[in-house]
Protein backbone atom coordinates (compact mmCIF):
# COMPACT_ATOMS: atom_id res chain seq x y z
CA MET A 1 147.26 124.04 37.94
CA ALA A 2 149.88 121.57 36.63
CA SER A 3 149.38 117.86 37.97
CA ALA A 4 152.05 116.25 40.43
CA PRO A 5 154.78 115.12 37.61
CA GLY A 6 155.84 111.60 37.19
CA TYR A 7 159.38 110.24 37.26
CA TRP A 8 159.52 109.95 33.71
CA THR A 9 158.58 113.91 33.07
CA LYS A 10 160.98 114.62 36.02
CA PHE A 11 163.60 112.86 33.95
CA LYS A 12 162.91 114.56 30.68
CA SER A 13 163.60 117.83 32.79
CA TYR A 14 166.86 116.96 33.24
CA ILE A 15 167.72 116.22 29.19
CA TRP A 16 165.37 117.88 27.61
CA ASP A 17 163.26 121.01 28.46
CA SER A 18 164.35 122.22 32.04
CA ASP A 19 160.74 123.37 32.96
CA ALA A 20 158.68 120.22 31.92
CA HIS A 21 157.86 119.23 35.33
CA LEU A 22 156.06 122.75 35.72
CA LYS A 23 154.26 122.64 32.84
CA THR A 24 150.34 121.11 32.58
CA PRO A 25 149.62 117.98 30.50
CA GLU A 26 147.92 120.01 27.99
CA GLU A 27 150.96 121.99 27.55
CA ARG A 28 153.36 119.41 27.12
CA ALA A 29 150.92 117.57 24.37
CA LEU A 30 151.04 121.41 22.49
CA ILE A 31 154.72 121.04 22.62
CA ARG A 32 154.62 117.58 21.40
CA LYS A 33 152.45 118.39 18.20
CA LEU A 34 154.44 121.42 17.67
CA ASP A 35 157.77 119.34 17.83
CA PHE A 36 155.91 117.17 14.92
CA GLY A 37 154.94 119.89 12.85
CA ILE A 38 157.72 122.01 13.08
CA LEU A 39 160.50 120.26 14.13
CA VAL A 40 159.83 116.60 11.39
CA ALA A 41 159.14 119.32 8.44
CA SER A 42 161.69 121.53 8.88
CA CYS A 43 164.45 119.39 9.43
CA LEU A 44 163.66 117.25 6.71
CA GLY A 45 163.86 120.38 4.42
CA PHE A 46 167.24 121.61 5.75
CA PHE A 47 168.61 118.41 5.61
CA LEU A 48 167.59 118.39 1.56
CA LYS A 49 168.74 122.19 1.21
CA TYR A 50 172.05 120.95 2.37
CA LEU A 51 172.34 118.18 0.77
CA ASP A 52 171.40 120.00 -2.46
CA GLN A 53 173.60 122.97 -1.54
CA ASN A 54 176.57 120.48 -0.96
CA ASN A 55 175.98 118.09 -3.98
CA LEU A 56 177.91 120.73 -6.05
CA ALA A 57 181.05 120.17 -4.29
CA ASN A 58 180.79 116.55 -4.21
CA ALA A 59 179.50 116.50 -8.25
CA TYR A 60 182.75 118.89 -8.94
CA ILE A 61 185.47 116.17 -7.75
CA SER A 62 183.47 113.20 -8.66
CA GLY A 63 183.72 113.96 -12.83
CA MET A 64 181.95 117.27 -13.16
CA LYS A 65 184.96 119.12 -13.77
CA GLU A 66 186.19 116.96 -16.44
CA ASP A 67 182.84 116.21 -18.27
CA LEU A 68 182.22 119.98 -18.20
CA ASN A 69 185.60 121.02 -18.53
CA ILE A 70 185.73 123.77 -15.88
CA ASN A 71 188.87 125.73 -15.53
CA GLY A 72 190.55 128.19 -13.63
CA ASN A 73 187.93 130.20 -11.65
CA GLN A 74 184.68 128.93 -12.66
CA TYR A 75 183.72 126.48 -9.67
CA THR A 76 184.09 129.46 -7.38
CA TYR A 77 181.91 131.48 -9.60
CA MET A 78 179.45 128.73 -9.12
CA GLY A 79 179.44 129.06 -5.95
CA THR A 80 179.30 132.80 -5.79
CA CYS A 81 176.27 132.42 -8.35
CA TYR A 82 174.22 130.33 -5.86
CA THR A 83 174.97 132.75 -3.06
CA ILE A 84 174.43 135.78 -4.38
CA ALA A 85 170.70 134.79 -5.16
CA TYR A 86 170.89 132.98 -1.84
CA ALA A 87 171.47 136.60 -0.10
CA LEU A 88 168.92 138.38 -2.23
CA MET A 89 165.92 136.92 -0.89
CA GLN A 90 166.70 136.77 3.04
CA VAL A 91 165.21 139.72 4.33
CA PRO A 92 162.48 139.85 1.64
CA SER A 93 161.51 136.32 2.53
CA THR A 94 160.68 137.13 6.10
CA MET A 95 158.68 139.98 5.08
CA ILE A 96 157.00 138.08 2.73
CA ILE A 97 155.69 135.89 5.62
CA GLN A 98 154.29 138.55 7.63
CA LYS A 99 151.66 138.91 4.67
CA ILE A 100 151.32 135.21 3.14
CA ARG A 101 150.86 132.02 5.11
CA PRO A 102 154.70 130.46 5.99
CA SER A 103 153.53 126.64 4.87
CA TYR A 104 152.28 128.03 1.51
CA TYR A 105 155.53 130.16 0.66
CA LEU A 106 158.13 127.46 2.02
CA ALA A 107 155.92 124.87 0.18
CA PHE A 108 156.60 126.80 -2.80
CA CYS A 109 160.07 127.62 -2.50
CA GLU A 110 161.24 123.89 -1.74
CA ILE A 111 159.01 122.40 -4.66
CA GLY A 112 161.19 125.14 -6.71
CA TRP A 113 164.72 124.39 -5.77
CA GLY A 114 163.83 120.81 -6.34
CA ALA A 115 162.91 121.36 -9.77
CA TRP A 116 166.18 123.65 -10.51
CA THR A 117 167.93 120.48 -8.74
CA PHE A 118 166.56 118.43 -11.71
CA ALA A 119 167.62 121.01 -13.99
CA GLN A 120 171.52 120.56 -13.26
CA ALA A 121 171.48 116.93 -14.01
CA GLY A 122 171.17 118.23 -17.60
CA ALA A 123 174.02 120.96 -17.54
CA ARG A 124 176.17 121.05 -20.78
CA ASN A 125 178.36 123.49 -19.69
CA SER A 126 179.76 126.00 -17.09
CA GLN A 127 177.49 129.01 -18.23
CA GLN A 128 174.41 126.99 -17.42
CA MET A 129 175.62 125.57 -14.18
CA TYR A 130 175.76 129.29 -13.35
CA VAL A 131 172.33 130.09 -14.20
CA PHE A 132 171.18 126.61 -12.38
CA ARG A 133 173.15 127.30 -9.24
CA PHE A 134 171.91 130.85 -9.22
CA MET A 135 168.07 129.72 -9.31
CA VAL A 136 168.47 126.95 -6.45
CA GLY A 137 169.79 129.66 -4.60
CA LEU A 138 166.77 131.71 -4.54
CA PHE A 139 164.47 129.35 -3.62
CA GLU A 140 166.29 128.11 -1.10
CA SER A 141 167.01 131.42 0.34
CA ALA A 142 163.49 131.48 2.36
CA PHE A 143 164.28 128.50 4.11
CA PHE A 144 166.63 129.02 7.13
CA PRO A 145 165.47 132.48 8.18
CA CYS A 146 161.45 132.01 7.94
CA LEU A 147 162.54 128.88 9.78
CA LEU A 148 164.57 130.45 12.60
CA TYR A 149 161.97 133.28 12.72
CA LEU A 150 158.67 130.99 13.27
CA MET A 151 160.56 128.90 15.70
CA GLY A 152 161.51 131.58 17.57
CA SER A 153 157.75 132.43 17.53
CA TRP A 154 156.55 129.63 19.28
CA TYR A 155 158.71 127.99 21.63
CA THR A 156 159.73 129.55 25.01
CA LYS A 157 163.48 130.24 26.64
CA THR A 158 163.80 126.89 27.72
CA GLU A 159 162.56 125.02 24.43
CA LEU A 160 164.29 127.01 21.89
CA ALA A 161 168.16 126.51 21.52
CA LYS A 162 168.35 122.73 21.79
CA ARG A 163 165.26 122.55 19.13
CA LEU A 164 167.08 125.35 16.65
CA ALA A 165 170.47 123.06 17.08
CA ILE A 166 168.51 120.11 16.06
CA PHE A 167 167.16 122.00 13.09
CA HIS A 168 170.52 123.17 12.39
CA LEU A 169 172.57 119.86 12.65
CA THR A 170 170.13 118.50 10.04
CA GLY A 171 172.29 120.69 7.39
CA ASN A 172 175.00 118.80 8.48
CA VAL A 173 173.79 115.76 8.51
CA GLY A 174 172.81 116.61 4.92
CA THR A 175 176.41 117.49 4.30
CA ALA A 176 177.78 114.40 5.33
CA MET A 177 175.15 112.01 3.44
CA SER A 178 175.72 114.10 0.41
CA GLY A 179 179.27 112.88 0.80
CA TYR A 180 178.08 109.21 0.99
CA LEU A 181 175.58 109.42 -1.57
CA GLN A 182 178.09 110.37 -4.15
CA ALA A 183 180.46 107.89 -3.09
CA ALA A 184 177.42 105.57 -3.37
CA ILE A 185 176.09 106.37 -6.54
CA TYR A 186 179.46 107.01 -7.89
CA ASN A 187 179.98 103.44 -7.35
CA ASN A 188 177.04 102.09 -8.32
CA LEU A 189 175.46 104.29 -10.75
CA ASN A 190 178.25 105.67 -12.70
CA GLY A 191 177.21 105.32 -16.36
CA HIS A 192 173.63 103.37 -15.76
CA ALA A 193 171.34 104.37 -18.56
CA GLY A 194 174.45 106.62 -20.45
CA ILE A 195 174.35 109.13 -17.71
CA ALA A 196 177.21 109.81 -15.39
CA GLY A 197 177.30 109.35 -11.22
CA TRP A 198 177.60 113.33 -10.72
CA ARG A 199 174.35 113.52 -12.98
CA TRP A 200 172.47 110.91 -11.13
CA LEU A 201 173.42 112.87 -7.39
CA TYR A 202 171.33 115.80 -8.75
CA ILE A 203 168.48 113.31 -9.98
CA ILE A 204 168.00 111.43 -6.75
CA CYS A 205 168.42 115.00 -4.78
CA GLY A 206 165.43 116.25 -6.70
CA CYS A 207 163.42 112.90 -6.25
CA MET A 208 163.70 113.74 -2.13
CA THR A 209 162.83 117.39 -2.30
CA VAL A 210 159.88 117.56 -3.99
CA PRO A 211 157.75 115.44 -2.06
CA CYS A 212 159.23 116.99 1.21
CA GLY A 213 158.12 120.56 -0.42
CA LEU A 214 154.59 119.31 -0.20
CA LEU A 215 154.58 117.92 3.07
CA LEU A 216 155.25 121.20 4.21
CA PHE A 217 152.04 122.73 2.75
CA PHE A 218 150.06 120.09 4.82
CA VAL A 219 152.14 120.42 8.40
CA LEU A 220 153.78 123.62 9.16
CA PRO A 221 151.82 125.47 11.57
CA ASP A 222 152.03 128.95 10.39
CA LEU A 223 152.36 131.38 13.38
CA PRO A 224 150.47 131.64 16.71
CA SER A 225 148.33 134.83 15.41
CA ASN A 226 147.24 133.01 12.48
CA CYS A 227 147.66 128.92 12.92
CA LYS A 228 144.96 126.72 11.14
CA VAL A 229 146.58 123.66 10.79
CA TRP A 230 144.75 120.72 11.20
CA TYR A 231 146.33 118.63 14.26
CA LEU A 232 145.84 121.51 16.47
CA SER A 233 142.30 122.76 17.85
CA GLU A 234 140.68 125.74 17.92
CA GLU A 235 141.26 125.69 22.21
CA GLU A 236 145.15 124.59 21.70
CA ARG A 237 145.37 127.42 19.18
CA ALA A 238 144.33 130.05 21.53
CA PHE A 239 146.37 128.91 24.55
CA ALA A 240 149.60 128.97 22.00
CA LEU A 241 148.71 132.29 21.25
CA ASN A 242 148.29 132.92 24.68
CA ARG A 243 151.82 131.35 25.90
CA ALA A 244 153.84 133.27 23.07
CA ILE A 245 152.21 136.54 24.85
CA ARG A 246 152.98 135.58 28.15
CA ASN A 247 156.34 134.61 27.50
CA GLY A 248 156.79 138.24 26.10
CA LYS A 249 156.68 137.75 22.34
CA GLY A 250 155.39 140.38 20.15
CA GLN A 251 152.77 139.38 17.90
CA PRO A 252 152.78 140.40 14.24
CA THR A 253 151.11 143.51 12.69
CA GLY A 254 150.54 143.34 9.42
CA LYS A 255 152.84 147.03 9.17
CA LEU A 256 155.95 147.14 6.97
CA ASP A 257 156.72 150.82 6.77
CA MET A 258 159.36 153.40 7.53
CA ALA A 259 158.42 153.38 11.41
CA LEU A 260 159.74 149.46 11.36
CA LEU A 261 162.70 150.76 9.61
CA LYS A 262 163.23 153.41 11.85
CA ARG A 263 162.70 151.25 15.46
CA THR A 264 165.10 148.72 13.83
CA PHE A 265 168.19 150.80 13.10
CA SER A 266 167.70 153.59 16.24
CA ARG A 267 168.48 150.30 18.29
CA TRP A 268 171.90 148.37 18.55
CA HIS A 269 170.35 145.05 17.78
CA TRP A 270 170.66 145.03 14.06
CA TYR A 271 174.00 146.34 13.89
CA TRP A 272 175.90 144.27 16.44
CA PHE A 273 174.11 140.56 15.80
CA VAL A 274 174.55 141.56 11.90
CA LEU A 275 178.34 142.30 12.17
CA GLY A 276 178.71 139.57 14.80
CA TYR A 277 177.47 136.90 12.37
CA ILE A 278 179.06 137.94 9.62
CA LEU A 279 182.43 137.50 11.43
CA TYR A 280 181.74 134.68 12.60
CA GLY A 281 179.84 132.89 9.61
CA GLU A 282 182.91 133.48 7.57
CA SER A 283 185.31 132.62 10.18
CA CYS A 284 183.82 128.97 9.14
CA ALA A 285 184.56 128.89 5.50
CA ALA A 286 187.93 126.95 5.79
CA THR A 287 186.40 123.46 6.36
CA ALA A 288 184.49 124.15 2.88
CA TYR A 289 187.73 123.14 0.99
CA PHE A 290 188.44 119.79 2.97
CA GLY A 291 187.66 117.73 -0.40
CA ILE A 292 190.21 119.88 -2.51
CA TRP A 293 192.69 119.68 -0.28
CA LEU A 294 192.13 115.67 -0.24
CA LYS A 295 191.52 115.79 -4.02
CA ALA A 296 195.16 117.18 -4.17
CA GLU A 297 196.73 115.02 -1.87
CA ASN A 298 195.78 111.84 -4.43
CA PHE A 299 193.12 110.54 -2.25
CA SER A 300 190.51 108.29 -4.08
CA VAL A 301 187.11 109.47 -5.25
CA SER A 302 185.20 107.77 -2.52
CA ALA A 303 187.95 109.20 0.01
CA ARG A 304 187.13 112.56 -1.07
CA ASN A 305 183.48 112.33 -0.76
CA VAL A 306 183.35 110.03 2.57
CA ILE A 307 186.19 111.28 4.67
CA PRO A 308 184.76 115.23 4.65
CA SER A 309 181.57 113.40 6.12
CA GLY A 310 183.21 112.54 9.43
CA GLY A 311 184.04 116.15 9.63
CA ALA A 312 180.21 117.10 9.56
CA LEU A 313 179.35 114.32 11.57
CA ILE A 314 181.29 115.53 14.97
CA SER A 315 179.67 119.11 13.94
CA VAL A 316 176.26 117.04 14.35
CA PHE A 317 177.38 116.30 18.03
CA CYS A 318 178.99 119.51 19.06
CA ILE A 319 175.99 121.19 17.18
CA PHE A 320 173.35 119.61 19.46
CA MET A 321 175.42 119.84 22.88
CA TRP A 322 175.94 123.73 22.65
CA GLY A 323 172.05 124.37 21.85
CA PHE A 324 171.53 121.26 25.13
CA LEU A 325 174.01 123.07 27.40
CA SER A 326 172.50 126.13 26.22
CA ASP A 327 169.10 125.73 27.17
CA LEU A 328 170.23 123.69 30.47
CA THR A 329 172.31 126.22 31.80
CA GLY A 330 170.41 129.41 30.66
CA SER A 331 173.70 131.19 29.09
CA ARG A 332 173.44 132.23 25.78
CA PHE A 333 176.96 134.08 25.88
CA ILE A 334 179.06 131.04 27.17
CA TRP A 335 178.02 128.86 24.63
CA VAL A 336 178.47 131.07 22.07
CA PHE A 337 181.91 132.64 22.85
CA VAL A 338 183.13 129.20 23.77
CA PRO A 339 182.70 127.07 20.90
CA LEU A 340 184.13 129.93 18.57
CA ALA A 341 187.23 130.21 20.74
CA TYR A 342 187.89 126.81 19.90
CA GLY A 343 187.82 127.48 16.20
CA LEU A 344 191.42 129.43 17.10
CA ILE A 345 192.68 125.85 16.83
CA PRO A 346 192.11 124.80 13.35
CA ASN A 347 191.93 127.92 11.22
CA GLY A 348 195.35 128.36 13.29
CA ILE A 349 196.71 125.16 12.21
CA LEU A 350 195.47 125.75 8.46
CA ALA A 351 196.94 129.26 8.75
CA VAL A 352 200.41 127.74 9.35
CA TRP A 353 200.14 124.91 6.85
CA PRO A 354 202.64 122.60 8.87
CA PRO A 355 204.05 119.49 6.37
CA SER A 356 201.50 117.12 8.52
CA VAL A 357 198.87 115.60 6.27
CA LYS A 358 197.48 114.05 9.76
CA LEU A 359 197.74 117.96 11.32
CA LYS A 360 195.99 119.27 8.57
CA GLU A 361 193.36 116.39 8.07
CA PHE A 362 192.41 116.79 11.99
CA ALA A 363 191.93 120.66 11.32
CA PHE A 364 189.63 120.17 8.65
CA LEU A 365 187.71 117.46 10.57
CA THR A 366 187.24 119.43 13.76
CA GLY A 367 186.93 122.94 12.15
CA GLY A 368 182.93 122.39 12.68
CA VAL A 369 183.47 122.15 16.66
CA GLN A 370 183.35 125.81 16.61
CA LEU A 371 179.65 125.75 15.06
CA MET A 372 177.20 127.56 17.34
CA THR A 373 174.72 128.84 15.03
CA ALA A 374 171.57 127.51 16.59
CA VAL A 375 172.50 129.44 19.88
CA PHE A 376 173.63 132.79 18.24
CA TYR A 377 170.11 133.05 16.52
CA THR A 378 168.24 132.05 19.77
CA TRP A 379 170.17 134.70 21.61
CA ALA A 380 169.00 137.17 19.02
CA ASN A 381 165.43 135.73 18.76
CA GLU A 382 165.16 136.58 22.78
CA VAL A 383 167.09 140.00 22.64
CA CYS A 384 164.66 141.05 20.00
CA LYS A 385 161.64 139.17 21.02
CA LYS A 386 159.14 142.30 22.13
CA ASP A 387 159.29 143.59 18.70
CA ASN A 388 157.98 140.97 15.70
CA GLU A 389 159.03 142.64 13.21
CA GLU A 390 162.24 144.02 14.25
CA ARG A 391 163.09 140.28 14.86
CA ALA A 392 162.31 138.85 11.90
CA LEU A 393 164.36 141.54 9.88
CA VAL A 394 167.27 141.09 12.58
CA VAL A 395 167.71 136.86 11.86
CA SER A 396 167.30 137.13 8.75
CA SER A 397 169.72 140.21 7.78
CA MET A 398 171.81 137.94 9.93
CA ASN A 399 171.71 135.37 7.49
CA GLY A 400 171.62 137.54 4.63
CA LEU A 401 174.31 139.70 4.94
CA GLN A 402 176.51 136.78 5.94
CA TYR A 403 175.82 135.35 2.49
CA ALA A 404 176.54 138.68 0.61
CA VAL A 405 179.41 138.58 2.28
CA ALA A 406 180.25 135.30 1.32
CA ALA A 407 179.26 135.67 -2.43
CA TRP A 408 182.41 137.89 -2.80
CA LEU A 409 185.24 137.16 0.01
CA PRO A 410 185.92 133.43 -1.31
CA ILE A 411 186.54 135.06 -4.68
CA VAL A 412 189.35 137.26 -2.98
CA ILE A 413 190.78 134.95 -0.39
CA PHE A 414 189.77 131.67 -1.69
CA PRO A 415 190.97 131.69 -5.24
CA GLN A 416 190.67 128.38 -6.72
CA VAL A 417 194.18 129.02 -8.25
CA GLU A 418 195.54 129.37 -5.06
CA ALA A 419 194.42 125.65 -4.00
CA PRO A 420 194.76 123.98 -1.78
CA THR A 421 196.77 125.91 0.23
CA PHE A 422 194.92 129.04 0.13
CA ARG A 423 197.32 131.23 1.69
CA ARG A 424 195.08 134.20 2.25
CA GLY A 425 192.33 132.37 2.91
CA PHE A 426 192.92 130.01 6.00
CA PRO A 427 195.12 133.06 7.86
CA GLY A 428 191.73 135.02 6.83
CA THR A 429 189.65 132.77 8.62
CA PHE A 430 191.88 132.68 11.65
CA GLY A 431 191.62 136.71 12.04
CA LEU A 432 188.08 136.58 11.64
CA VAL A 433 187.46 134.49 14.34
CA ILE A 434 189.18 136.84 16.37
CA ALA A 435 187.21 139.72 15.61
CA ALA A 436 184.09 137.59 15.86
CA LEU A 437 185.03 136.95 19.78
CA ILE A 438 185.37 140.61 20.16
CA VAL A 439 181.93 141.31 19.00
CA ILE A 440 180.12 138.16 20.93
CA VAL A 441 181.39 140.05 24.11
CA ILE A 442 180.45 143.64 23.03
CA ILE A 443 176.74 142.03 22.20
CA LYS A 444 177.02 140.68 25.71
CA ILE A 445 177.96 143.81 27.34
CA LEU A 446 174.63 145.92 25.18
CA ALA A 447 172.73 143.03 26.68
CA ASP A 448 173.51 142.79 30.00
CA ARG A 449 173.05 146.62 30.18
CA ASP A 450 169.30 146.41 28.80
CA GLU A 451 168.83 144.02 31.19
CA ARG A 452 169.99 145.86 34.02
CA ARG A 453 167.94 148.92 32.58
CA GLU A 454 164.62 146.93 32.59
CA ARG A 455 165.16 145.74 36.31
CA ALA A 456 166.23 149.17 37.62
CA ALA A 457 162.86 150.64 35.63
CA PRO A 458 160.51 147.71 35.44
CA GLY A 459 157.63 150.34 35.15
CA ILE A 460 159.01 152.11 32.15
CA ARG A 461 158.63 150.52 28.41
CA SER A 462 159.00 152.03 25.21
CA GLU A 463 155.67 153.68 23.54
CA GLU A 464 155.61 150.65 21.02
CA VAL A 465 155.99 148.09 23.71
CA ALA A 466 153.05 149.52 25.85
CA SER A 467 150.71 149.78 22.86
CA THR A 468 151.50 145.52 21.89
CA ASP A 469 150.71 144.91 25.70
CA GLU A 470 147.70 147.16 25.62
CA LYS A 471 146.57 145.05 22.78
CA ASN A 472 147.65 141.80 23.86
CA SER A 473 144.78 142.31 26.92
CA HIS A 474 142.25 142.01 24.38
CA GLU A 475 143.66 138.57 22.38
CA ASP A 476 140.58 137.18 21.16
CA GLU A 477 139.72 140.54 18.98
CA ASP A 478 143.42 140.96 18.23
CA THR A 479 143.66 137.31 16.99
CA LYS A 480 140.78 138.20 14.64
CA GLU A 481 142.15 141.21 13.30
CA LYS A 482 145.37 139.82 13.11
CA SER A 483 143.96 136.97 10.58
CA ASP A 484 142.98 139.38 8.43
CA VAL A 485 146.41 140.57 7.50
CA TYR A 486 147.30 137.01 6.30
CA VAL A 487 146.45 135.20 2.95
């Protein structure tokens, strides 16, 4: 029985978890420990992922173009090499952590991308950068989908969206800091020890990334069904597993077979969430060309790096607000639809390409207001929560296939030879916003239909869900059996 909540607990219920005052002290202590283990490690890693991912753009406008004699669409091809590799391992990674502990696998991946970040500092031509960017993308690919899946396994409906938002916004902080970091490095280290400023950026980023990879090994709590992390007691681990089961979260079966594919592709979840996320993700592409436009307008090297950081910081605020409001109101649809609808404004301005420099700068700076990725993934996690393996496939396919499209679409609509006006690119992203809004409405209609059917026939369950519920009634025995699946 929960004890009477104090004023501080009640206050936190308004600004943080809306049901905090209903939880026992033991449950609140568990969540604090999970926040330490999952949020701290994942946010540090995601910050560094985006720092390492975006340092290509900062290096390009800070001397790399001239040093490596990059011409034509070679810069675009570097991004494509990264994107192809990043897309390749999204779905396989979420399947790998059904067999191998996430803490082991993700630590290995982060150390790997840190090592290849170092390698870029020694690049001598575009061909070497193609290889290095491919390897960075390959090792980075596991981080985002695996953490989305992992957080969806631990947190409940009132907790998940804002925490995914915090996780996601650290990527924008990394994007912002990449600009500030490159500006500081260019001003203070350019030419030091005979090394160009853009090369120092890769060296420093590598030095930051590898230790954070080691941190994952020690603090990431794996899954409720196989958690052995040092800061949770046996009683807390059992309570966490029971809590996940009570909230309707299907637990890992260890079965990756044709039955999984049949279940997944016989439902609407995979098709519409993946399509919606691809359209949404590609509609956000316009802001990536902010620095290139600033260079064309003859802004200084420091300004080219720092000004786009302002847009990233605006995005940070909005990402958290959409997640916070989504958890507070309990609505996923509204806080997916409204931010994306705003995207019609900046994408529309860039599609028209007015002569005003200030208006175009406004469009680039506020383009990130439409970023509601955390809420979108929360929605997918919740709709698919009863089938653990399907949920892993859906969330990883959303990100993986979006990057698969991003591997070739910029070559078609954002060729570097059309910079900075991109007369196919910006009108294209405007059209993608409209298409994404339509798909989001369809997802809402389908999700509401399923909820009505469940309410109308609460005793009817699909064969696989009924089987899962039967197993969950013997949770001690199940926990032992599931642990045998993992390394």
